């Protein structure tokens, strides 16, 4: 029996549905899983940032909040930080809040951020025991969760995002314009 190449096998399975095949390949190629969550209230989030200031999701009610779970040892997480900073700078006057959450020790995160070529000015929160990460059902890094002005999870993405990409930009603008 002759073995098929993986691509051939995939083509046979999805051959009748070429658009489905293209969507699957695009999702794998992008390395990001993005989905809409619906009308699910955001889980509680109360954490202290690297400067010792407490932040809670509740204090940002009425704003669009991007909660980004990341780590210093995660290359895709680190690569997306500059575009996340740019989005924060571009839209914070319109009510965008960015909260980056790391499960690492505060001194590790602070030391790492000091070595970056550009400043990160949004709050970086520490979730040392990962209780918040568990409550938010974080399965991989980076994971980004966007909460609308009423405290509802609007969408989430697992994997690296480019926050300057038109698709992401349009989703953020749609929420900010509400």
C-alpha atoms as a PDB file:
ATOM      1  CA  UNK A   1       0.000   0.000   0.000  1.00  0.00           C
ATOM      2  CA  UNK A   2       1.345   3.382  -0.993  1.00  0.00           C
ATOM      3  CA  UNK A   3       1.462   6.120   1.684  1.00  0.00           C
ATOM      4  CA  UNK A   4      -0.066   9.456   0.795  1.00  0.00           C
ATOM      5  CA  UNK A   5       1.676  12.702   1.448  1.00  0.00           C
ATOM      6  CA  UNK A   6      -0.079  14.750   4.191  1.00  0.00           C
ATOM      7  CA  UNK A   7      -1.053  17.468   1.716  1.00  0.00           C
ATOM      8  CA  UNK A   8      -2.630  14.904  -0.624  1.00  0.00           C
ATOM      9  CA  UNK A   9      -4.560  13.367   2.254  1.00  0.00           C
ATOM     10  CA  UNK A  10      -5.791  16.782   3.301  1.00  0.00           C
ATOM     11  CA  UNK A  11      -6.877  17.606  -0.246  1.00  0.00           C
ATOM     12  CA  UNK A  12      -8.887  14.369  -0.465  1.00  0.00           C
ATOM     13  CA  UNK A  13     -10.642  15.044   2.843  1.00  0.00           C
ATOM     14  CA  UNK A  14     -11.513  18.644   2.024  1.00  0.00           C
ATOM     15  CA  UNK A  15     -11.628  18.310  -1.793  1.00  0.00           C
ATOM     16  CA  UNK A  16     -15.376  18.755  -1.893  1.00  0.00           C
ATOM     17  CA  UNK A  17     -15.165  21.828   0.295  1.00  0.00           C
ATOM     18  CA  UNK A  18     -12.328  24.022  -1.042  1.00  0.00           C
ATOM     19  CA  UNK A  19     -13.348  27.055   0.995  1.00  0.00           C
ATOM     20  CA  UNK A  20     -13.199  25.032   4.204  1.00  0.00           C
ATOM     21  CA  UNK A  21      -9.724  23.823   3.250  1.00  0.00           C
ATOM     22  CA  UNK A  22      -8.581  27.407   2.596  1.00  0.00           C
ATOM     23  CA  UNK A  23      -9.954  28.532   5.969  1.00  0.00           C
ATOM     24  CA  UNK A  24      -8.199  25.686   7.800  1.00  0.00           C
ATOM     25  CA  UNK A  25      -4.893  26.360   6.055  1.00  0.00           C
ATOM     26  CA  UNK A  26      -5.168  30.096   6.674  1.00  0.00           C
ATOM     27  CA  UNK A  27      -5.810  29.533  10.368  1.00  0.00           C
ATOM     28  CA  UNK A  28      -2.811  27.230  10.721  1.00  0.00           C
ATOM     29  CA  UNK A  29      -0.635  29.527   8.645  1.00  0.00           C
ATOM     30  CA  UNK A  30      -1.509  32.535  10.752  1.00  0.00           C
ATOM     31  CA  UNK A  31      -0.847  30.639  13.965  1.00  0.00           C
ATOM     32  CA  UNK A  32      -3.757  32.426  15.621  1.00  0.00           C
ATOM     33  CA  UNK A  33      -7.112  31.099  16.687  1.00  0.00           C
ATOM     34  CA  UNK A  34      -9.598  33.928  16.891  1.00  0.00           C
ATOM     35  CA  UNK A  35     -13.183  33.510  17.840  1.00  0.00           C
ATOM     36  CA  UNK A  36     -16.143  35.447  19.062  1.00  0.00           C
ATOM     37  CA  UNK A  37     -17.307  34.497  22.510  1.00  0.00           C
ATOM     38  CA  UNK A  38     -20.765  36.066  22.624  1.00  0.00           C
ATOM     39  CA  UNK A  39     -22.386  37.547  25.689  1.00  0.00           C
ATOM     40  CA  UNK A  40     -20.229  35.939  28.368  1.00  0.00           C
ATOM     41  CA  UNK A  41     -19.365  38.241  31.297  1.00  0.00           C
ATOM     42  CA  UNK A  42     -15.614  38.642  31.744  1.00  0.00           C
ATOM     43  CA  UNK A  43     -14.168  36.768  34.720  1.00  0.00           C
ATOM     44  CA  UNK A  44     -12.951  38.734  37.701  1.00  0.00           C
ATOM     45  CA  UNK A  45      -9.484  40.260  37.376  1.00  0.00           C
ATOM     46  CA  UNK A  46      -7.796  42.002  40.311  1.00  0.00           C
ATOM     47  CA  UNK A  47      -3.995  42.112  40.143  1.00  0.00           C
ATOM     48  CA  UNK A  48      -1.099  44.362  41.089  1.00  0.00           C
ATOM     49  CA  UNK A  49       1.166  45.838  38.423  1.00  0.00           C
ATOM     50  CA  UNK A  50       4.969  45.902  38.484  1.00  0.00           C
ATOM     51  CA  UNK A  51       4.870  49.300  40.210  1.00  0.00           C
ATOM     52  CA  UNK A  52       2.674  47.994  43.041  1.00  0.00           C
ATOM     53  CA  UNK A  53      -0.594  49.575  41.836  1.00  0.00           C
ATOM     54  CA  UNK A  54      -3.720  47.407  42.006  1.00  0.00           C
ATOM     55  CA  UNK A  55      -5.887  47.149  38.886  1.00  0.00           C
ATOM     56  CA  UNK A  56      -9.301  45.539  38.602  1.00  0.00           C
ATOM     57  CA  UNK A  57     -11.307  44.935  35.479  1.00  0.00           C
ATOM     58  CA  UNK A  58     -14.289  46.504  37.239  1.00  0.00           C
ATOM     59  CA  UNK A  59     -12.505  49.878  37.524  1.00  0.00           C
ATOM     60  CA  UNK A  60     -12.348  50.013  33.706  1.00  0.00           C
ATOM     61  CA  UNK A  61     -16.083  49.471  33.130  1.00  0.00           C
ATOM     62  CA  UNK A  62     -17.165  51.768  30.297  1.00  0.00           C
ATOM     63  CA  UNK A  63     -13.887  51.237  28.434  1.00  0.00           C
ATOM     64  CA  UNK A  64     -12.759  48.606  25.948  1.00  0.00           C
ATOM     65  CA  UNK A  65     -10.164  46.446  27.704  1.00  0.00           C
ATOM     66  CA  UNK A  66      -7.551  44.307  25.983  1.00  0.00           C
ATOM     67  CA  UNK A  67      -6.249  41.704  28.451  1.00  0.00           C
ATOM     68  CA  UNK A  68      -3.091  40.128  27.066  1.00  0.00           C
ATOM     69  CA  UNK A  69      -1.643  37.054  28.807  1.00  0.00           C
ATOM     70  CA  UNK A  70       2.070  36.728  28.000  1.00  0.00           C
ATOM     71  CA  UNK A  71       5.510  35.700  29.311  1.00  0.00           C
ATOM     72  CA  UNK A  72       9.065  36.983  28.914  1.00  0.00           C
ATOM     73  CA  UNK A  73      10.249  33.531  27.701  1.00  0.00           C
ATOM     74  CA  UNK A  74       7.604  33.372  24.948  1.00  0.00           C
ATOM     75  CA  UNK A  75       9.014  34.750  21.633  1.00  0.00           C
ATOM     76  CA  UNK A  76       5.584  35.382  19.997  1.00  0.00           C
ATOM     77  CA  UNK A  77       4.474  37.209  23.166  1.00  0.00           C
ATOM     78  CA  UNK A  78       7.518  39.457  23.060  1.00  0.00           C
ATOM     79  CA  UNK A  79       7.162  40.063  19.315  1.00  0.00           C
ATOM     80  CA  UNK A  80       3.586  41.300  19.685  1.00  0.00           C
ATOM     81  CA  UNK A  81       4.365  43.789  22.497  1.00  0.00           C
ATOM     82  CA  UNK A  82       5.369  46.700  20.188  1.00  0.00           C
ATOM     83  CA  UNK A  83       2.175  46.446  18.115  1.00  0.00           C
ATOM     84  CA  UNK A  84       0.137  46.213  21.326  1.00  0.00           C
ATOM     85  CA  UNK A  85       1.885  49.352  22.605  1.00  0.00           C
ATOM     86  CA  UNK A  86       1.114  51.121  19.309  1.00  0.00           C
ATOM     87  CA  UNK A  87      -2.581  50.188  19.553  1.00  0.00           C
ATOM     88  CA  UNK A  88      -2.641  51.470  23.145  1.00  0.00           C
ATOM     89  CA  UNK A  89      -1.073  54.773  22.084  1.00  0.00           C
ATOM     90  CA  UNK A  90      -3.389  55.083  19.067  1.00  0.00           C
ATOM     91  CA  UNK A  91      -6.692  54.402  20.860  1.00  0.00           C
ATOM     92  CA  UNK A  92      -6.342  55.129  24.564  1.00  0.00           C
ATOM     93  CA  UNK A  93      -7.959  58.560  24.123  1.00  0.00           C
ATOM     94  CA  UNK A  94     -10.997  56.742  22.670  1.00  0.00           C
ATOM     95  CA  UNK A  95     -11.322  54.523  25.745  1.00  0.00           C
ATOM     96  CA  UNK A  96      -8.950  51.621  25.067  1.00  0.00           C
ATOM     97  CA  UNK A  97      -7.244  50.061  28.084  1.00  0.00           C
ATOM     98  CA  UNK A  98      -4.471  47.488  27.739  1.00  0.00           C
ATOM     99  CA  UNK A  99      -3.589  45.187  30.627  1.00  0.00           C
ATOM    100  CA  UNK A 100      -0.733  42.728  30.107  1.00  0.00           C
ATOM    101  CA  UNK A 101      -0.735  39.801  32.540  1.00  0.00           C
ATOM    102  CA  UNK A 102       2.333  37.678  33.302  1.00  0.00           C
ATOM    103  CA  UNK A 103       2.578  34.664  35.587  1.00  0.00           C
ATOM    104  CA  UNK A 104       6.238  35.405  36.304  1.00  0.00           C
ATOM    105  CA  UNK A 105       7.801  37.159  39.280  1.00  0.00           C
ATOM    106  CA  UNK A 106       7.626  40.957  39.251  1.00  0.00           C
ATOM    107  CA  UNK A 107      11.422  41.413  39.311  1.00  0.00           C
ATOM    108  CA  UNK A 108      11.834  39.096  36.291  1.00  0.00           C
ATOM    109  CA  UNK A 109       9.230  41.031  34.298  1.00  0.00           C
ATOM    110  CA  UNK A 110      10.602  44.427  35.349  1.00  0.00           C
ATOM    111  CA  UNK A 111      14.154  43.466  34.417  1.00  0.00           C
ATOM    112  CA  UNK A 112      12.967  42.141  31.062  1.00  0.00           C
ATOM    113  CA  UNK A 113      10.949  45.286  30.250  1.00  0.00           C
ATOM    114  CA  UNK A 114      13.919  47.513  31.109  1.00  0.00           C
ATOM    115  CA  UNK A 115      15.987  45.736  28.440  1.00  0.00           C
ATOM    116  CA  UNK A 116      13.442  46.215  25.633  1.00  0.00           C
ATOM    117  CA  UNK A 117      14.423  48.702  22.913  1.00  0.00           C
ATOM    118  CA  UNK A 118      11.151  50.620  23.313  1.00  0.00           C
ATOM    119  CA  UNK A 119       9.046  51.451  26.353  1.00  0.00           C
ATOM    120  CA  UNK A 120       5.894  49.580  27.316  1.00  0.00           C
ATOM    121  CA  UNK A 121       3.627  52.156  28.936  1.00  0.00           C
ATOM    122  CA  UNK A 122       0.436  50.172  29.579  1.00  0.00           C
ATOM    123  CA  UNK A 123       0.049  48.396  32.940  1.00  0.00           C
ATOM    124  CA  UNK A 124       1.860  45.066  33.270  1.00  0.00           C
ATOM    125  CA  UNK A 125       0.167  42.947  35.930  1.00  0.00           C
ATOM    126  CA  UNK A 126       1.582  40.025  37.887  1.00  0.00           C
ATOM    127  CA  UNK A 127      -0.435  36.810  38.294  1.00  0.00           C
ATOM    128  CA  UNK A 128       2.174  34.836  40.245  1.00  0.00           C
ATOM    129  CA  UNK A 129      -0.126  32.006  41.284  1.00  0.00           C
ATOM    130  CA  UNK A 130      -1.885  31.921  37.885  1.00  0.00           C
ATOM    131  CA  UNK A 131      -5.301  31.995  39.537  1.00  0.00           C
ATOM    132  CA  UNK A 132      -6.468  34.697  37.134  1.00  0.00           C
ATOM    133  CA  UNK A 133      -5.016  32.829  34.166  1.00  0.00           C
ATOM    134  CA  UNK A 134      -6.939  29.735  35.224  1.00  0.00           C
ATOM    135  CA  UNK A 135     -10.151  31.699  35.768  1.00  0.00           C
ATOM    136  CA  UNK A 136      -9.743  33.192  32.255  1.00  0.00           C
ATOM    137  CA  UNK A 137      -9.111  29.663  30.857  1.00  0.00           C
ATOM    138  CA  UNK A 138      -5.715  30.492  29.392  1.00  0.00           C
ATOM    139  CA  UNK A 139      -4.400  27.405  27.597  1.00  0.00           C
ATOM    140  CA  UNK A 140      -1.454  28.913  25.729  1.00  0.00           C
ATOM    141  CA  UNK A 141       0.557  32.089  25.329  1.00  0.00           C
ATOM    142  CA  UNK A 142       0.026  34.654  24.115  1.00  0.00           C
ATOM    143  CA  UNK A 143      -3.723  34.842  24.607  1.00  0.00           C
ATOM    144  CA  UNK A 144      -5.603  38.090  24.116  1.00  0.00           C
ATOM    145  CA  UNK A 145      -9.120  38.682  25.425  1.00  0.00           C
ATOM    146  CA  UNK A 146     -11.066  41.799  24.488  1.00  0.00           C
ATOM    147  CA  UNK A 147     -13.766  42.967  26.881  1.00  0.00           C
ATOM    148  CA  UNK A 148     -16.349  45.476  25.698  1.00  0.00           C
ATOM    149  CA  UNK A 149     -17.523  48.581  27.551  1.00  0.00           C
ATOM    150  CA  UNK A 150     -20.204  46.628  29.436  1.00  0.00           C
ATOM    151  CA  UNK A 151     -17.793  43.999  30.800  1.00  0.00           C
ATOM    152  CA  UNK A 152     -18.633  41.258  28.290  1.00  0.00           C
ATOM    153  CA  UNK A 153     -15.959  39.176  26.556  1.00  0.00           C
ATOM    154  CA  UNK A 154     -16.327  40.190  22.933  1.00  0.00           C
ATOM    155  CA  UNK A 155     -13.545  38.103  21.368  1.00  0.00           C
ATOM    156  CA  UNK A 156     -10.364  36.257  22.217  1.00  0.00           C
ATOM    157  CA  UNK A 157      -7.349  35.045  20.301  1.00  0.00           C
ATOM    158  CA  UNK A 158      -4.770  32.402  21.096  1.00  0.00           C
ATOM    159  CA  UNK A 159      -1.465  33.083  19.391  1.00  0.00           C
ATOM    160  CA  UNK A 160       0.473  36.121  18.276  1.00  0.00           C
ATOM    161  CA  UNK A 161      -1.505  39.064  16.937  1.00  0.00           C
ATOM    162  CA  UNK A 162      -0.375  42.057  14.949  1.00  0.00           C
ATOM    163  CA  UNK A 163      -2.445  44.836  16.503  1.00  0.00           C
ATOM    164  CA  UNK A 164      -1.767  47.039  13.477  1.00  0.00           C
ATOM    165  CA  UNK A 165      -3.269  44.476  11.062  1.00  0.00           C
ATOM    166  CA  UNK A 166      -6.431  45.809   9.447  1.00  0.00           C
ATOM    167  CA  UNK A 167      -8.625  42.947  10.763  1.00  0.00           C
ATOM    168  CA  UNK A 168      -7.587  43.507  14.381  1.00  0.00           C
ATOM    169  CA  UNK A 169      -7.718  47.279  13.980  1.00  0.00           C
ATOM    170  CA  UNK A 170     -11.260  47.076  12.566  1.00  0.00           C
ATOM    171  CA  UNK A 171     -12.443  44.880  15.449  1.00  0.00           C
ATOM    172  CA  UNK A 172     -11.017  47.286  18.023  1.00  0.00           C
ATOM    173  CA  UNK A 173     -12.491  50.327  16.236  1.00  0.00           C
ATOM    174  CA  UNK A 174     -15.921  48.700  16.048  1.00  0.00           C
ATOM    175  CA  UNK A 175     -15.939  48.272  19.836  1.00  0.00           C
ATOM    176  CA  UNK A 176     -14.512  51.731  20.488  1.00  0.00           C
ATOM    177  CA  UNK A 177     -17.181  53.338  18.281  1.00  0.00           C
ATOM    178  CA  UNK A 178     -20.035  51.698  20.240  1.00  0.00           C
END
